[in-house]
Amino acid sequence: MDVGLSNKWVRWGLLNLAIVALYGTLMRYKIAYNFPFFEQKNLLHAHSHFAFGGWVSHLLYTGLTLLVTPFVTAGRRKQYQALVFLNLLGSFGMLVAFTIEGYKAVSIAFSTLSILVAVVFAGIFIRDRRCWPASHPSVPWAAGGLLLNVVSSAGPFSLAYMMATGNVDSSLYLGSIYFYLHFQYNGWFFLGSMALAAALLPPAFFSLKGYFRIFIIAAIPSFFLSVHWAGIPWWLYLATIMAALLQLGAWIVLLVRAKAWYHQNRPARPSYRKHLFFYAAAFALTIKFVLQALSAIPWLSRLVFGFRPIVIAYLHLVLLGVYSLFLIGYYVARQMIRITPVAKAAALLLLIGVICNELFLAVQGFAALAYIPVPFVNELLLGAAVLLLGGAAGLYISQYRKQKAGGY
């Protein structure tokens, strides 16, 4: 992928983030005030599918294409570029179709296109593994993430079948949603992000192969943390607990080792501000693994995750706090997001919006546990959404302003 085209894909990603934020703001406005246009459920479907496909998956596909480009032929590069384009096409198709009609034929068709892209991308990427240097640290993470991306598609296919036949089983419906979310959040998004992160690490960094094995093996049983309300057998429940604790332990050990290595090898003048989004994403991911481990406690899981604001707070913690911040930090580190005064202000505004959004959702959720009404919480959440929209839009616009790039 040539530099000009890759930078264009990154700018498309930033535009898509702004669109995701716009839909989030619109939904928050409909909750806080009267806005008769558009169905809220349709907006929610459009918002979530576009966030997954047009924002996170798009930049993961772009990043993996950039990594594989030096090792494959020009013809193969064009195939990867075509798949990135088709994923964008499917994402925008879902955005429009879900907004207008919800879960019906056109939206299902574009969703199927996105799934086909995932299957083909995984197939050719894994086949191209032999072209990579044997010691390249990104290969196992990328291949594992792409495989779990394909596995996650069983969820949407199950939902589409139920919608098409009109035979909707509530438990299967909910299980299909959680199946998709789990293998996206804990499979494709996590392993794909780790593949990109591994490519940034210096050659002298310690091996991550052992950690990869832990995370990919634990990804399967940890799914049942989401559905232990379905009455899973005791031995499977025990496996889910072990998987959650194993992932938390591996992540903490990885952080500790990385911190020790960094202190031994850090430059004379380290730039902490340049890596702010990486630190924030790592902190959010640590909270995510802790919450995941706590969800293994049945009564606590039923008590806490039975409240919609807490579930939404958790989902946004992972999507915004972990992967969105990481991807912005990654493309800043790759110098594919230009750091201008406007970009720095927008990035700070986005970070504040993420923090406020999580804080207000947590307050709303835990207040609901105690049946305590929180005045103006919907208006506060709308304000957080506006901050996210302003930050995302400003970051996108900053890439077109002719300003001299500066240090971060």
Protein backbone atom coordinates (compact mmCIF):
# COMPACT_ATOMS: atom_id res chain seq x y z
CA MET A 1 0.00 0.00 0.00
CA ASP A 2 1.55 3.30 -1.05
CA VAL A 3 1.94 6.09 1.48
CA GLY A 4 -0.63 8.40 -0.10
CA LEU A 5 -3.34 5.73 -0.18
CA SER A 6 -2.61 4.51 3.35
CA ASN A 7 -2.84 8.06 4.71
CA LYS A 8 -6.15 8.42 2.89
CA TRP A 9 -7.47 5.24 4.57
CA VAL A 10 -6.45 6.62 7.97
CA ARG A 11 -8.29 9.88 7.25
CA TRP A 12 -11.35 7.84 6.29
CA GLY A 13 -11.06 6.13 9.66
CA LEU A 14 -11.04 9.47 11.47
CA LEU A 15 -14.07 10.60 9.46
CA ASN A 16 -15.83 7.38 10.42
CA LEU A 17 -15.05 7.98 14.09
CA ALA A 18 -16.69 11.40 13.79
CA ILE A 19 -19.76 9.76 12.21
CA VAL A 20 -19.92 7.23 15.04
CA ALA A 21 -19.76 10.13 17.52
CA LEU A 22 -22.45 12.00 15.58
CA TYR A 23 -24.83 9.05 15.85
CA GLY A 24 -24.02 8.72 19.55
CA THR A 25 -24.82 12.40 20.05
CA LEU A 26 -28.09 12.08 18.15
CA MET A 27 -29.18 9.11 20.29
CA ARG A 28 -28.29 10.95 23.47
CA TYR A 29 -30.27 13.96 22.29
CA LYS A 30 -33.32 11.77 21.61
CA ILE A 31 -33.11 10.47 25.19
CA ALA A 32 -32.67 13.88 26.82
CA TYR A 33 -35.08 15.84 24.60
CA ASN A 34 -37.87 15.26 22.14
CA PHE A 35 -36.62 14.47 18.63
CA PRO A 36 -39.27 12.67 16.56
CA PHE A 37 -37.14 11.74 13.56
CA PHE A 38 -35.48 8.31 13.18
CA GLU A 39 -36.12 5.18 15.19
CA GLN A 40 -33.84 4.89 18.22
CA LYS A 41 -33.35 1.15 17.68
CA ASN A 42 -32.37 1.72 14.05
CA LEU A 43 -29.87 4.41 15.07
CA LEU A 44 -28.42 2.04 17.66
CA HIS A 45 -27.91 -0.72 15.09
CA ALA A 46 -26.35 1.74 12.63
CA HIS A 47 -24.13 3.24 15.34
CA SER A 48 -22.81 -0.07 16.64
CA HIS A 49 -22.27 -1.78 13.28
CA PHE A 50 -20.50 1.25 11.84
CA ALA A 51 -18.35 1.62 14.95
CA PHE A 52 -17.21 -1.98 14.57
CA GLY A 53 -16.81 -2.07 10.79
CA GLY A 54 -16.16 1.50 9.69
CA TRP A 55 -13.97 2.56 12.62
CA VAL A 56 -12.14 -0.23 14.49
CA SER A 57 -12.08 -2.97 11.84
CA HIS A 58 -11.26 -0.47 9.09
CA LEU A 59 -8.16 0.78 10.87
CA LEU A 60 -7.14 -2.75 11.88
CA TYR A 61 -7.41 -3.91 8.26
CA THR A 62 -5.47 -0.83 7.18
CA GLY A 63 -2.78 -1.45 9.78
CA LEU A 64 -2.39 -5.13 8.90
CA THR A 65 -2.24 -4.25 5.20
CA LEU A 66 0.58 -1.83 5.94
CA LEU A 67 2.43 -4.54 7.85
CA VAL A 68 2.11 -7.18 5.14
CA THR A 69 2.86 -4.84 2.20
CA PRO A 70 6.69 -5.17 2.30
CA PHE A 71 6.48 -8.97 2.05
CA VAL A 72 3.99 -9.56 -0.79
CA THR A 73 3.73 -8.89 -4.51
CA ALA A 74 2.15 -5.81 -6.07
CA GLY A 75 -0.82 -7.89 -7.17
CA ARG A 76 -1.43 -9.09 -3.65
CA ARG A 77 -1.22 -5.53 -2.32
CA LYS A 78 -4.03 -4.55 -4.68
CA GLN A 79 -6.13 -7.41 -3.29
CA TYR A 80 -5.64 -6.15 0.27
CA GLN A 81 -6.51 -2.60 -0.82
CA ALA A 82 -9.65 -3.87 -2.55
CA LEU A 83 -10.71 -5.65 0.65
CA VAL A 84 -10.18 -2.49 2.71
CA PHE A 85 -12.38 -0.65 0.21
CA LEU A 86 -15.07 -3.36 0.26
CA ASN A 87 -15.13 -3.29 4.05
CA LEU A 88 -15.71 0.48 3.89
CA LEU A 89 -18.45 -0.03 1.31
CA GLY A 90 -20.17 -2.60 3.52
CA SER A 91 -19.83 -0.36 6.56
CA PHE A 92 -21.40 2.67 4.89
CA GLY A 93 -24.07 0.45 3.41
CA MET A 94 -24.96 -0.81 6.89
CA LEU A 95 -24.90 2.74 8.25
CA VAL A 96 -27.49 3.95 5.74
CA ALA A 97 -29.60 0.77 5.64
CA PHE A 98 -29.84 0.32 9.40
CA THR A 99 -30.70 4.01 9.82
CA ILE A 100 -33.55 3.81 7.33
CA GLU A 101 -35.00 0.32 7.73
CA GLY A 102 -33.35 -1.43 10.66
CA TYR A 103 -32.58 -5.15 10.54
CA LYS A 104 -33.99 -6.02 7.09
CA ALA A 105 -32.87 -7.30 3.70
CA VAL A 106 -30.56 -4.46 2.62
CA SER A 107 -28.80 -4.10 5.97
CA ILE A 108 -28.37 -7.88 6.19
CA ALA A 109 -26.90 -7.89 2.67
CA PHE A 110 -24.28 -5.26 3.56
CA SER A 111 -23.57 -7.06 6.84
CA THR A 112 -22.98 -10.24 4.82
CA LEU A 113 -20.56 -8.33 2.57
CA SER A 114 -18.56 -7.28 5.64
CA ILE A 115 -18.45 -10.87 6.85
CA LEU A 116 -17.27 -12.08 3.43
CA VAL A 117 -14.49 -9.47 3.55
CA ALA A 118 -13.47 -10.81 6.96
CA VAL A 119 -13.32 -14.37 5.62
CA VAL A 120 -11.35 -13.49 2.48
CA PHE A 121 -8.96 -11.15 4.33
CA ALA A 122 -8.25 -13.85 6.91
CA GLY A 123 -7.71 -16.45 4.19
CA ILE A 124 -5.20 -14.53 2.12
CA PHE A 125 -3.42 -13.04 5.15
CA ILE A 126 -2.91 -16.43 6.77
CA ARG A 127 -1.76 -17.87 3.44
CA ASP A 128 0.77 -15.03 3.18
CA ARG A 129 2.27 -15.90 6.57
CA ARG A 130 5.05 -17.79 4.81
CA CYS A 131 6.18 -14.53 3.18
CA TRP A 132 6.88 -12.88 6.54
CA PRO A 133 10.17 -13.17 8.41
CA ALA A 134 9.87 -16.16 10.74
CA SER A 135 10.61 -14.06 13.80
CA HIS A 136 8.12 -11.25 13.09
CA PRO A 137 6.18 -10.73 16.36
CA SER A 138 2.94 -9.57 14.73
CA VAL A 139 2.14 -12.70 12.72
CA PRO A 140 0.52 -14.93 15.38
CA TRP A 141 -1.51 -12.08 16.87
CA ALA A 142 -2.78 -10.98 13.47
CA ALA A 143 -3.64 -14.51 12.28
CA GLY A 144 -5.38 -15.35 15.56
CA GLY A 145 -7.35 -12.12 15.53
CA LEU A 146 -8.49 -12.61 11.94
CA LEU A 147 -9.60 -16.17 12.68
CA LEU A 148 -11.68 -15.04 15.66
CA ASN A 149 -13.12 -12.26 13.50
CA VAL A 150 -14.46 -14.99 11.22
CA VAL A 151 -15.69 -17.02 14.20
CA SER A 152 -17.63 -13.99 15.51
CA SER A 153 -19.68 -13.91 12.29
CA ALA A 154 -21.72 -16.86 13.57
CA GLY A 155 -23.52 -14.35 15.81
CA PRO A 156 -24.84 -12.07 13.04
CA PHE A 157 -25.74 -15.07 10.85
CA SER A 158 -27.80 -16.50 13.70
CA LEU A 159 -29.53 -13.15 14.23
CA ALA A 160 -30.22 -12.75 10.50
CA TYR A 161 -31.74 -16.25 10.34
CA MET A 162 -34.04 -15.53 13.27
CA MET A 163 -35.08 -12.19 11.80
CA ALA A 164 -35.70 -13.68 8.35
CA THR A 165 -37.76 -16.61 9.63
CA GLY A 166 -39.54 -14.69 12.38
CA ASN A 167 -38.60 -17.47 14.80
CA VAL A 168 -36.88 -15.46 17.52
CA ASP A 169 -35.81 -17.30 20.66
CA SER A 170 -34.98 -14.76 23.37
CA SER A 171 -32.11 -16.77 24.89
CA LEU A 172 -30.59 -17.60 21.50
CA TYR A 173 -31.05 -14.00 20.37
CA LEU A 174 -29.20 -12.63 23.39
CA GLY A 175 -26.57 -15.37 23.17
CA SER A 176 -25.91 -14.55 19.51
CA ILE A 177 -25.34 -10.88 20.35
CA TYR A 178 -22.95 -11.75 23.17
CA PHE A 179 -21.15 -14.28 20.97
CA TYR A 180 -20.48 -11.62 18.36
CA LEU A 181 -19.48 -8.98 20.90
CA HIS A 182 -17.17 -11.33 22.77
CA PHE A 183 -15.20 -12.55 19.77
CA GLN A 184 -14.98 -9.02 18.40
CA TYR A 185 -13.92 -7.35 21.65
CA ASN A 186 -11.80 -10.14 23.12
CA GLY A 187 -10.75 -11.76 19.85
CA TRP A 188 -10.43 -9.68 16.71
CA PHE A 189 -10.07 -6.23 18.29
CA PHE A 190 -7.67 -7.32 21.04
CA LEU A 191 -5.44 -9.64 19.03
CA GLY A 192 -5.47 -7.32 16.01
CA SER A 193 -4.45 -4.38 18.19
CA MET A 194 -1.71 -6.47 19.78
CA ALA A 195 -0.44 -7.30 16.28
CA LEU A 196 -0.10 -3.60 15.52
CA ALA A 197 1.46 -2.91 18.93
CA ALA A 198 3.99 -5.73 18.46
CA ALA A 199 5.15 -4.14 15.21
CA LEU A 200 6.08 -0.95 17.09
CA LEU A 201 8.23 -2.74 19.66
CA PRO A 202 12.02 -2.65 19.26
CA PRO A 203 13.78 -5.90 18.22
CA ALA A 204 15.35 -6.22 21.68
CA PHE A 205 11.92 -6.40 23.38
CA PHE A 206 11.09 -9.69 25.10
CA SER A 207 9.09 -12.36 23.27
CA LEU A 208 5.29 -12.17 23.36
CA LYS A 209 4.62 -15.69 22.05
CA GLY A 210 3.74 -17.13 25.45
CA TYR A 211 1.26 -14.33 26.10
CA PHE A 212 -0.34 -14.88 22.70
CA ARG A 213 -0.98 -18.54 23.51
CA ILE A 214 -2.61 -17.62 26.81
CA PHE A 215 -4.92 -14.99 25.34
CA ILE A 216 -6.08 -16.97 22.33
CA ILE A 217 -6.70 -20.16 24.32
CA ALA A 218 -8.57 -18.28 27.06
CA ALA A 219 -10.67 -16.35 24.53
CA ILE A 220 -12.91 -19.35 23.86
CA PRO A 221 -13.96 -20.40 27.38
CA SER A 222 -14.19 -16.80 28.58
CA PHE A 223 -17.14 -16.36 26.22
CA PHE A 224 -19.29 -18.29 28.68
CA LEU A 225 -18.83 -15.50 31.22
CA SER A 226 -21.36 -13.63 29.09
CA VAL A 227 -23.96 -16.41 29.13
CA HIS A 228 -23.56 -18.22 32.44
CA TRP A 229 -27.19 -17.21 33.09
CA ALA A 230 -28.07 -19.90 30.53
CA GLY A 231 -27.27 -22.65 33.03
CA ILE A 232 -23.88 -23.94 31.83
CA PRO A 233 -22.45 -27.06 33.58
CA TRP A 234 -20.16 -26.61 36.57
CA TRP A 235 -17.03 -27.79 34.75
CA LEU A 236 -17.55 -25.22 31.99
CA TYR A 237 -18.20 -22.51 34.56
CA LEU A 238 -14.93 -23.46 36.27
CA ALA A 239 -13.14 -23.19 32.91
CA THR A 240 -14.55 -19.68 32.41
CA ILE A 241 -13.26 -18.60 35.82
CA MET A 242 -9.81 -19.98 35.07
CA ALA A 243 -9.79 -18.27 31.66
CA ALA A 244 -10.72 -14.88 33.14
CA LEU A 245 -8.09 -15.13 35.88
CA LEU A 246 -5.49 -16.36 33.41
CA GLN A 247 -6.07 -13.39 31.10
CA LEU A 248 -5.95 -10.91 33.98
CA GLY A 249 -2.77 -12.47 35.37
CA ALA A 250 -1.07 -12.59 31.96
CA TRP A 251 -1.92 -8.96 31.27
CA ILE A 252 -0.59 -7.77 34.64
CA VAL A 253 2.64 -9.76 34.21
CA LEU A 254 3.03 -8.36 30.70
CA LEU A 255 2.60 -4.79 31.99
CA VAL A 256 5.07 -5.32 34.83
CA ARG A 257 7.69 -6.83 32.51
CA ALA A 258 7.15 -4.09 29.92
CA LYS A 259 7.55 -1.39 32.55
CA ALA A 260 10.78 -2.96 33.86
CA TRP A 261 12.16 -3.30 30.33
CA TYR A 262 11.25 0.29 29.52
CA HIS A 263 12.99 1.67 32.62
CA GLN A 264 16.15 -0.19 31.65
CA ASN A 265 16.08 0.96 28.03
CA ARG A 266 14.25 4.29 28.05
CA PRO A 267 15.75 7.21 26.10
CA ALA A 268 17.46 10.10 27.83
CA ARG A 269 14.48 12.39 27.16
CA PRO A 270 11.35 10.22 27.12
CA SER A 271 8.22 11.82 25.60
CA TYR A 272 5.36 10.86 27.91
CA ARG A 273 2.82 13.09 26.16
CA LYS A 274 3.49 11.33 22.84
CA HIS A 275 2.39 8.04 24.37
CA LEU A 276 -0.52 9.42 26.41
CA PHE A 277 -3.16 7.51 24.43
CA PHE A 278 -1.20 4.27 24.80
CA TYR A 279 -1.07 4.72 28.58
CA ALA A 280 -4.77 5.57 28.73
CA ALA A 281 -5.66 2.53 26.58
CA ALA A 282 -3.52 0.23 28.75
CA PHE A 283 -5.19 1.57 31.90
CA ALA A 284 -8.67 1.04 30.40
CA LEU A 285 -7.72 -2.47 29.29
CA THR A 286 -6.56 -3.29 32.82
CA ILE A 287 -9.94 -2.18 34.18
CA LYS A 288 -11.61 -4.30 31.50
CA PHE A 289 -9.74 -7.45 32.54
CA VAL A 290 -10.53 -6.79 36.21
CA LEU A 291 -14.24 -6.34 35.47
CA GLN A 292 -14.20 -9.46 33.32
CA ALA A 293 -12.73 -11.47 36.20
CA LEU A 294 -15.30 -10.05 38.64
CA SER A 295 -18.11 -11.03 36.28
CA ALA A 296 -17.26 -14.67 37.06
CA ILE A 297 -19.02 -14.15 40.42
CA PRO A 298 -22.64 -15.09 39.55
CA TRP A 299 -24.51 -12.90 42.04
CA LEU A 300 -22.32 -9.90 41.26
CA SER A 301 -22.71 -10.42 37.53
CA ARG A 302 -26.51 -10.65 37.81
CA LEU A 303 -26.63 -7.62 40.09
CA VAL A 304 -24.35 -5.32 38.12
CA PHE A 305 -24.68 -6.39 34.50
CA GLY A 306 -28.44 -6.58 34.71
CA PHE A 307 -28.50 -2.78 34.57
CA ARG A 308 -28.33 -1.37 31.06
CA PRO A 309 -26.25 1.77 31.91
CA ILE A 310 -23.53 -0.41 33.43
CA VAL A 311 -23.50 -2.69 30.39
CA ILE A 312 -23.27 0.35 28.10
CA ALA A 313 -20.49 1.79 30.28
CA TYR A 314 -18.53 -1.46 29.96
CA LEU A 315 -18.99 -1.63 26.18
CA HIS A 316 -17.89 1.99 25.77
CA LEU A 317 -14.97 1.47 28.12
CA VAL A 318 -13.64 -1.20 25.78
CA LEU A 319 -14.55 0.36 22.43
CA LEU A 320 -13.61 3.96 23.28
CA GLY A 321 -11.24 3.68 26.22
CA VAL A 322 -9.20 0.76 24.89
CA TYR A 323 -9.37 0.36 21.12
CA SER A 324 -10.22 3.86 19.94
CA LEU A 325 -7.51 5.47 22.05
CA PHE A 326 -5.02 2.79 21.06
CA LEU A 327 -5.69 3.16 17.33
CA ILE A 328 -5.30 6.93 17.47
CA GLY A 329 -2.07 6.52 19.42
CA TYR A 330 -0.83 3.89 16.97
CA TYR A 331 -1.34 6.02 13.87
CA VAL A 332 0.19 9.00 15.65
CA ALA A 333 3.23 6.82 16.39
CA ARG A 334 3.31 5.77 12.73
CA GLN A 335 3.19 9.49 11.81
CA MET A 336 0.04 8.90 9.77
CA ILE A 337 -1.96 11.28 11.94
CA ARG A 338 -0.26 14.67 11.75
CA ILE A 339 0.26 16.39 15.08
CA THR A 340 -0.80 20.00 14.64
CA PRO A 341 -2.07 22.44 17.29
CA VAL A 342 -5.62 21.67 16.20
CA ALA A 343 -4.96 17.91 16.35
CA LYS A 344 -3.54 18.17 19.88
CA ALA A 345 -6.52 20.19 21.10
CA ALA A 346 -8.96 17.78 19.42
CA ALA A 347 -7.20 14.73 20.85
CA LEU A 348 -7.35 16.21 24.35
CA LEU A 349 -11.05 17.02 23.89
CA LEU A 350 -11.69 13.45 22.75
CA LEU A 351 -9.87 12.03 25.76
CA ILE A 352 -11.88 14.26 28.12
CA GLY A 353 -15.06 13.12 26.37
CA VAL A 354 -14.16 9.45 26.89
CA ILE A 355 -13.50 10.04 30.60
CA CYS A 356 -16.72 12.04 31.10
CA ASN A 357 -18.78 9.50 29.21
CA GLU A 358 -17.51 6.63 31.38
CA LEU A 359 -17.89 8.63 34.58
CA PHE A 360 -21.48 9.68 33.88
CA LEU A 361 -22.49 6.19 32.73
CA ALA A 362 -20.98 4.68 35.88
CA VAL A 363 -22.79 7.20 38.09
CA GLN A 364 -26.06 6.50 36.30
CA GLY A 365 -25.60 2.74 36.57
CA PHE A 366 -24.61 2.53 40.22
CA ALA A 367 -27.27 5.08 41.19
CA ALA A 368 -29.80 2.79 39.50
CA LEU A 369 -28.56 -0.07 41.68
CA ALA A 370 -29.51 1.95 44.75
CA TYR A 371 -32.66 3.34 43.11
CA ILE A 372 -31.30 6.87 43.49
CA PRO A 373 -32.34 9.30 40.75
CA VAL A 374 -29.51 11.42 39.34
CA PRO A 375 -30.73 14.84 38.16
CA PHE A 376 -29.72 15.91 34.65
CA VAL A 377 -27.74 12.70 34.01
CA ASN A 378 -29.12 12.43 30.47
CA GLU A 379 -28.10 16.01 29.79
CA LEU A 380 -24.63 15.28 31.18
CA LEU A 381 -24.31 12.25 28.93
CA LEU A 382 -25.37 14.40 25.99
CA GLY A 383 -22.63 16.86 26.94
CA ALA A 384 -20.07 14.03 26.99
CA ALA A 385 -21.29 12.92 23.56
CA VAL A 386 -20.82 16.46 22.24
CA LEU A 387 -17.24 16.44 23.57
CA LEU A 388 -16.60 13.15 21.78
CA LEU A 389 -18.08 14.53 18.58
CA GLY A 390 -16.06 17.73 18.81
CA GLY A 391 -12.84 15.84 19.48
CA ALA A 392 -13.38 13.32 16.67
CA ALA A 393 -14.46 15.95 14.15
CA GLY A 394 -11.58 18.24 15.12
CA LEU A 395 -9.07 15.42 14.74
CA TYR A 396 -10.38 14.67 11.26
CA ILE A 397 -10.42 18.33 10.19
CA SER A 398 -6.90 18.86 11.57
CA GLN A 399 -5.49 16.48 8.96
CA TYR A 400 -6.52 18.87 6.19
CA ARG A 401 -5.37 22.13 7.77
CA LYS A 402 -2.09 23.42 6.39
CA GLN A 403 -0.28 23.88 9.65
CA LYS A 404 3.26 23.05 10.56
CA ALA A 405 3.38 19.76 12.47
CA GLY A 406 4.89 19.99 15.89
CA GLY A 407 6.02 17.73 18.70
CA TYR A 408 3.45 16.11 20.89
